[in-house]
Amino acid sequence: MDVKAPRSAVAQGGIYRFDDGRTVPDLMTGVYDYPGFILEITANLGNSTRAGGGMLILGSEGTLTSTGRAVTVTYEPPASPIAAYGLNGWTKAAKEKYLESIGFGGGKRPQLPPTKQPQAFPVERGLEHHEHFIKSIREGTPSRETAEEGHYAAGAAHLGNMAFRKKRRMNWDIVTNKVTEG
């Protein structure tokens, strides 16, 4: 994505399943504002299912699904420019005025661009992140990630944890490396 770190984060969660004295939530969702996109991440330790588990990355042109050691990329048709379900509660006059404003007035039916069929492409992955780290230690080779990349990855996690603990949006200025409440 060619970005270093999130500009801000908010997070909510709590201890809902394992009330055993721990201080770390067993369910937590964070929303991170990166330049150009939003990242939503959920950690749920109270559910052990593997069905469909793993990681989903939902983009404007498709979905990347990562489970175990398999990665699947599914190309999907573009989203409709008209959220038809959102117009259901509108009056006929308001709906017509809106459709006319985007070029579909006078009873002209919106035509979506042609779409290609969704396709899935399984991809075999190599070593996991931690396996690369251990391999670099054992073999004395450089790690795949630089110290700077590690700093920003850990910083994003810390930002989410601070937002959770303070129950506030936290902002991160990576130029000054200052975190402020917002």
C-alpha atoms as a PDB file:
ATOM      1  CA  MET A   1       0.000   0.000   0.000  1.00  0.00           C
ATOM      2  CA  ASP A   2       3.121   2.152   0.102  1.00  0.00           C
ATOM      3  CA  VAL A   3       2.320   3.805   3.447  1.00  0.00           C
ATOM      4  CA  LYS A   4       4.268   3.880   6.674  1.00  0.00           C
ATOM      5  CA  ALA A   5       1.764   4.268   9.464  1.00  0.00           C
ATOM      6  CA  PRO A   6      -1.801   5.181  10.313  1.00  0.00           C
ATOM      7  CA  ARG A   7      -2.673   8.812  10.990  1.00  0.00           C
ATOM      8  CA  SER A   8      -5.122   7.809  13.706  1.00  0.00           C
ATOM      9  CA  ALA A   9      -6.911   4.905  15.364  1.00  0.00           C
ATOM     10  CA  VAL A  10     -10.018   4.192  17.416  1.00  0.00           C
ATOM     11  CA  ALA A  11     -10.721   0.887  19.145  1.00  0.00           C
ATOM     12  CA  GLN A  12     -13.332  -0.819  21.272  1.00  0.00           C
ATOM     13  CA  GLY A  13     -13.413  -4.153  23.002  1.00  0.00           C
ATOM     14  CA  GLY A  14     -13.247  -5.830  26.334  1.00  0.00           C
ATOM     15  CA  ILE A  15     -13.061  -9.066  28.238  1.00  0.00           C
ATOM     16  CA  TYR A  16     -16.224 -10.922  27.312  1.00  0.00           C
ATOM     17  CA  ARG A  17     -15.254 -14.573  27.566  1.00  0.00           C
ATOM     18  CA  PHE A  18     -12.139 -15.128  29.651  1.00  0.00           C
ATOM     19  CA  ASP A  19     -12.701 -13.189  32.877  1.00  0.00           C
ATOM     20  CA  ASP A  20      -9.661 -14.700  34.548  1.00  0.00           C
ATOM     21  CA  GLY A  21      -7.719 -11.657  35.697  1.00  0.00           C
ATOM     22  CA  ARG A  22      -6.255 -10.745  32.317  1.00  0.00           C
ATOM     23  CA  THR A  23      -5.990  -7.096  31.315  1.00  0.00           C
ATOM     24  CA  VAL A  24      -5.892  -7.603  27.553  1.00  0.00           C
ATOM     25  CA  PRO A  25      -9.255  -7.748  25.755  1.00  0.00           C
ATOM     26  CA  ASP A  26     -10.376 -11.074  24.313  1.00  0.00           C
ATOM     27  CA  LEU A  27     -12.436  -9.192  21.733  1.00  0.00           C
ATOM     28  CA  MET A  28     -11.240  -5.951  20.178  1.00  0.00           C
ATOM     29  CA  THR A  29     -11.934  -4.080  16.953  1.00  0.00           C
ATOM     30  CA  GLY A  30      -9.812  -1.195  15.754  1.00  0.00           C
ATOM     31  CA  VAL A  31     -10.277   1.223  12.873  1.00  0.00           C
ATOM     32  CA  TYR A  32      -7.104   2.792  11.498  1.00  0.00           C
ATOM     33  CA  ASP A  33      -7.010   5.819   9.196  1.00  0.00           C
ATOM     34  CA  TYR A  34      -4.127   5.442   6.737  1.00  0.00           C
ATOM     35  CA  PRO A  35      -3.413   7.851   3.891  1.00  0.00           C
ATOM     36  CA  GLY A  36      -5.726   6.644   1.108  1.00  0.00           C
ATOM     37  CA  PHE A  37      -7.603   3.889   2.931  1.00  0.00           C
ATOM     38  CA  ILE A  38      -9.198   2.709   6.175  1.00  0.00           C
ATOM     39  CA  LEU A  39      -8.139  -0.524   7.903  1.00  0.00           C
ATOM     40  CA  GLU A  40     -10.590  -2.331  10.157  1.00  0.00           C
ATOM     41  CA  ILE A  41      -9.129  -5.176  12.197  1.00  0.00           C
ATOM     42  CA  THR A  42     -10.824  -7.463  14.706  1.00  0.00           C
ATOM     43  CA  ALA A  43      -9.196  -9.893  17.131  1.00  0.00           C
ATOM     44  CA  ASN A  44     -11.638 -12.369  18.652  1.00  0.00           C
ATOM     45  CA  LEU A  45     -10.146 -14.854  21.101  1.00  0.00           C
ATOM     46  CA  GLY A  46     -13.582 -16.028  22.209  1.00  0.00           C
ATOM     47  CA  ASN A  47     -14.268 -17.995  19.029  1.00  0.00           C
ATOM     48  CA  SER A  48     -12.166 -20.944  17.913  1.00  0.00           C
ATOM     49  CA  THR A  49     -13.728 -21.678  14.524  1.00  0.00           C
ATOM     50  CA  ARG A  50     -11.447 -21.992  11.531  1.00  0.00           C
ATOM     51  CA  ALA A  51     -14.308 -22.046   9.029  1.00  0.00           C
ATOM     52  CA  GLY A  52     -13.601 -19.162   6.726  1.00  0.00           C
ATOM     53  CA  GLY A  53     -11.159 -17.857   9.318  1.00  0.00           C
ATOM     54  CA  GLY A  54      -7.924 -16.141   8.594  1.00  0.00           C
ATOM     55  CA  MET A  55      -7.737 -12.727   7.056  1.00  0.00           C
ATOM     56  CA  LEU A  56      -9.837 -10.883   4.496  1.00  0.00           C
ATOM     57  CA  ILE A  57      -8.679  -7.811   2.638  1.00  0.00           C
ATOM     58  CA  LEU A  58     -11.635  -6.191   0.916  1.00  0.00           C
ATOM     59  CA  GLY A  59     -10.744  -3.775  -1.871  1.00  0.00           C
ATOM     60  CA  SER A  60     -12.595  -1.885  -4.581  1.00  0.00           C
ATOM     61  CA  GLU A  61     -11.741  -4.495  -7.239  1.00  0.00           C
ATOM     62  CA  GLY A  62     -11.684  -7.723  -5.293  1.00  0.00           C
ATOM     63  CA  THR A  63     -11.015  -9.672  -2.127  1.00  0.00           C
ATOM     64  CA  LEU A  64      -7.855 -11.341  -0.839  1.00  0.00           C
ATOM     65  CA  THR A  65      -8.531 -14.251   1.515  1.00  0.00           C
ATOM     66  CA  SER A  66      -5.706 -15.738   3.564  1.00  0.00           C
ATOM     67  CA  THR A  67      -6.229 -18.966   5.510  1.00  0.00           C
ATOM     68  CA  GLY A  68      -3.481 -21.258   6.712  1.00  0.00           C
ATOM     69  CA  ARG A  69      -0.900 -21.290   3.946  1.00  0.00           C
ATOM     70  CA  ALA A  70      -3.278 -20.570   1.060  1.00  0.00           C
ATOM     71  CA  VAL A  71      -4.087 -17.167  -0.396  1.00  0.00           C
ATOM     72  CA  THR A  72      -6.988 -16.657  -2.779  1.00  0.00           C
ATOM     73  CA  VAL A  73      -7.541 -13.528  -4.817  1.00  0.00           C
ATOM     74  CA  THR A  74     -11.057 -13.058  -6.145  1.00  0.00           C
ATOM     75  CA  TYR A  75     -11.630 -10.357  -8.739  1.00  0.00           C
ATOM     76  CA  GLU A  76     -15.122  -8.967  -8.407  1.00  0.00           C
ATOM     77  CA  PRO A  77     -17.368  -6.735 -10.463  1.00  0.00           C
ATOM     78  CA  PRO A  78     -17.206  -3.054  -9.553  1.00  0.00           C
ATOM     79  CA  ALA A  79     -19.725  -1.847  -7.005  1.00  0.00           C
ATOM     80  CA  SER A  80     -22.810  -0.151  -8.414  1.00  0.00           C
ATOM     81  CA  PRO A  81     -22.627   3.636  -8.461  1.00  0.00           C
ATOM     82  CA  ILE A  82     -26.234   3.634  -7.292  1.00  0.00           C
ATOM     83  CA  ALA A  83     -27.114   2.131  -3.939  1.00  0.00           C
ATOM     84  CA  ALA A  84     -30.641   1.180  -5.015  1.00  0.00           C
ATOM     85  CA  TYR A  85     -31.595  -0.165  -1.594  1.00  0.00           C
ATOM     86  CA  GLY A  86     -30.918   3.287  -0.170  1.00  0.00           C
ATOM     87  CA  LEU A  87     -33.531   4.828  -2.435  1.00  0.00           C
ATOM     88  CA  ASN A  88     -36.359   2.546  -1.282  1.00  0.00           C
ATOM     89  CA  GLY A  89     -37.597   4.900   1.426  1.00  0.00           C
ATOM     90  CA  TRP A  90     -37.438   8.021  -0.737  1.00  0.00           C
ATOM     91  CA  THR A  91     -40.514   9.691  -2.170  1.00  0.00           C
ATOM     92  CA  LYS A  92     -40.988   9.226  -5.897  1.00  0.00           C
ATOM     93  CA  ALA A  93     -40.198  12.907  -6.519  1.00  0.00           C
ATOM     94  CA  ALA A  94     -37.002  12.843  -4.425  1.00  0.00           C
ATOM     95  CA  LYS A  95     -35.851   9.602  -6.058  1.00  0.00           C
ATOM     96  CA  GLU A  96     -36.472  10.998  -9.556  1.00  0.00           C
ATOM     97  CA  LYS A  97     -34.642  14.236  -8.710  1.00  0.00           C
ATOM     98  CA  TYR A  98     -31.643  12.303  -7.417  1.00  0.00           C
ATOM     99  CA  LEU A  99     -31.517   9.926 -10.406  1.00  0.00           C
ATOM    100  CA  GLU A 100     -31.789  12.890 -12.765  1.00  0.00           C
ATOM    101  CA  SER A 101     -28.865  14.597 -10.974  1.00  0.00           C
ATOM    102  CA  ILE A 102     -26.627  11.639 -11.849  1.00  0.00           C
ATOM    103  CA  GLY A 103     -27.879  11.285 -15.434  1.00  0.00           C
ATOM    104  CA  PHE A 104     -30.719   8.795 -15.085  1.00  0.00           C
ATOM    105  CA  GLY A 105     -33.842  10.986 -15.039  1.00  0.00           C
ATOM    106  CA  GLY A 106     -37.003  10.742 -17.132  1.00  0.00           C
ATOM    107  CA  GLY A 107     -37.504   7.051 -16.465  1.00  0.00           C
ATOM    108  CA  LYS A 108     -34.131   6.157 -18.037  1.00  0.00           C
ATOM    109  CA  ARG A 109     -32.898   3.005 -16.295  1.00  0.00           C
ATOM    110  CA  PRO A 110     -29.336   3.039 -14.955  1.00  0.00           C
ATOM    111  CA  GLN A 111     -27.031   0.671 -16.840  1.00  0.00           C
ATOM    112  CA  LEU A 112     -24.073  -0.667 -14.929  1.00  0.00           C
ATOM    113  CA  PRO A 113     -20.804  -1.197 -16.758  1.00  0.00           C
ATOM    114  CA  PRO A 114     -20.239  -4.749 -18.017  1.00  0.00           C
ATOM    115  CA  THR A 115     -18.564  -6.932 -15.444  1.00  0.00           C
ATOM    116  CA  LYS A 116     -16.296  -9.914 -15.672  1.00  0.00           C
ATOM    117  CA  GLN A 117     -17.097 -13.069 -13.772  1.00  0.00           C
ATOM    118  CA  PRO A 118     -15.443 -13.320 -10.364  1.00  0.00           C
ATOM    119  CA  GLN A 119     -12.369 -15.526 -10.507  1.00  0.00           C
ATOM    120  CA  ALA A 120     -10.339 -17.140  -7.760  1.00  0.00           C
ATOM    121  CA  PHE A 121      -6.620 -17.748  -8.049  1.00  0.00           C
ATOM    122  CA  PRO A 122      -5.068 -19.885  -5.300  1.00  0.00           C
ATOM    123  CA  VAL A 123      -1.510 -18.853  -4.468  1.00  0.00           C
ATOM    124  CA  GLU A 124       0.898 -20.884  -2.328  1.00  0.00           C
ATOM    125  CA  ARG A 125       2.644 -18.846   0.335  1.00  0.00           C
ATOM    126  CA  GLY A 126       6.123 -19.349   1.652  1.00  0.00           C
ATOM    127  CA  LEU A 127       7.221 -18.951   5.229  1.00  0.00           C
ATOM    128  CA  GLU A 128       5.148 -17.073   7.789  1.00  0.00           C
ATOM    129  CA  HIS A 129       6.434 -13.769   9.202  1.00  0.00           C
ATOM    130  CA  HIS A 130       7.777 -15.319  12.408  1.00  0.00           C
ATOM    131  CA  GLU A 131       9.358 -18.195  10.469  1.00  0.00           C
ATOM    132  CA  HIS A 132      11.347 -15.717   8.352  1.00  0.00           C
ATOM    133  CA  PHE A 133      12.524 -14.003  11.542  1.00  0.00           C
ATOM    134  CA  ILE A 134      13.682 -17.267  13.113  1.00  0.00           C
ATOM    135  CA  LYS A 135      15.378 -18.300   9.862  1.00  0.00           C
ATOM    136  CA  SER A 136      17.298 -14.994   9.727  1.00  0.00           C
ATOM    137  CA  ILE A 137      18.518 -15.520  13.314  1.00  0.00           C
ATOM    138  CA  ARG A 138      19.563 -19.133  12.683  1.00  0.00           C
ATOM    139  CA  GLU A 139      21.297 -18.387   9.389  1.00  0.00           C
ATOM    140  CA  GLY A 140      22.682 -14.963  10.265  1.00  0.00           C
ATOM    141  CA  THR A 141      20.952 -13.382   7.280  1.00  0.00           C
ATOM    142  CA  PRO A 142      19.129 -10.053   7.176  1.00  0.00           C
ATOM    143  CA  SER A 143      15.489 -10.045   8.225  1.00  0.00           C
ATOM    144  CA  ARG A 144      12.858  -9.467   5.543  1.00  0.00           C
ATOM    145  CA  GLU A 145      11.597  -6.416   7.427  1.00  0.00           C
ATOM    146  CA  THR A 146      13.712  -3.422   8.299  1.00  0.00           C
ATOM    147  CA  ALA A 147      13.821  -1.897  11.763  1.00  0.00           C
ATOM    148  CA  GLU A 148      11.819   1.053  10.412  1.00  0.00           C
ATOM    149  CA  GLU A 149       9.068  -1.249   9.088  1.00  0.00           C
ATOM    150  CA  GLY A 150       8.987  -3.005  12.456  1.00  0.00           C
ATOM    151  CA  HIS A 151       8.717   0.348  14.227  1.00  0.00           C
ATOM    152  CA  TYR A 152       5.702   1.413  12.176  1.00  0.00           C
ATOM    153  CA  ALA A 153       3.984  -1.977  12.446  1.00  0.00           C
ATOM    154  CA  ALA A 154       4.432  -2.085  16.226  1.00  0.00           C
ATOM    155  CA  GLY A 155       3.509   1.608  16.452  1.00  0.00           C
ATOM    156  CA  ALA A 156       0.178   0.937  14.730  1.00  0.00           C
ATOM    157  CA  ALA A 157      -0.609  -1.822  17.235  1.00  0.00           C
ATOM    158  CA  HIS A 158       0.365   0.427  20.157  1.00  0.00           C
ATOM    159  CA  LEU A 159      -1.793   3.248  18.751  1.00  0.00           C
ATOM    160  CA  GLY A 160      -4.817   0.932  18.685  1.00  0.00           C
ATOM    161  CA  ASN A 161      -4.121  -0.252  22.229  1.00  0.00           C
ATOM    162  CA  MET A 162      -3.811   3.349  23.460  1.00  0.00           C
ATOM    163  CA  ALA A 163      -7.106   4.234  21.760  1.00  0.00           C
ATOM    164  CA  PHE A 164      -8.758   1.262  23.457  1.00  0.00           C
ATOM    165  CA  ARG A 165      -7.382   2.069  26.907  1.00  0.00           C
ATOM    166  CA  LYS A 166      -8.123   5.808  26.708  1.00  0.00           C
ATOM    167  CA  LYS A 167     -11.484   5.265  24.959  1.00  0.00           C
ATOM    168  CA  ARG A 168     -10.526   8.031  22.522  1.00  0.00           C
ATOM    169  CA  ARG A 169      -9.279   8.550  19.004  1.00  0.00           C
ATOM    170  CA  MET A 170      -5.499   8.704  19.003  1.00  0.00           C
ATOM    171  CA  ASN A 171      -3.547  10.611  16.343  1.00  0.00           C
ATOM    172  CA  TRP A 172       0.029   9.849  15.294  1.00  0.00           C
ATOM    173  CA  ASP A 173       2.266  12.407  13.618  1.00  0.00           C
ATOM    174  CA  ILE A 174       5.080  10.268  12.233  1.00  0.00           C
ATOM    175  CA  VAL A 175       7.221  13.319  11.386  1.00  0.00           C
ATOM    176  CA  THR A 176       7.469  14.375  15.037  1.00  0.00           C
ATOM    177  CA  ASN A 177       6.658  10.855  16.335  1.00  0.00           C
ATOM    178  CA  LYS A 178       4.089  12.393  18.700  1.00  0.00           C
ATOM    179  CA  VAL A 179       0.790  10.790  19.645  1.00  0.00           C
ATOM    180  CA  THR A 180      -2.089  13.026  20.684  1.00  0.00           C
ATOM    181  CA  GLU A 181      -5.674  12.495  21.724  1.00  0.00           C
ATOM    182  CA  GLY A 182      -8.223  13.675  19.218  1.00  0.00           C
END
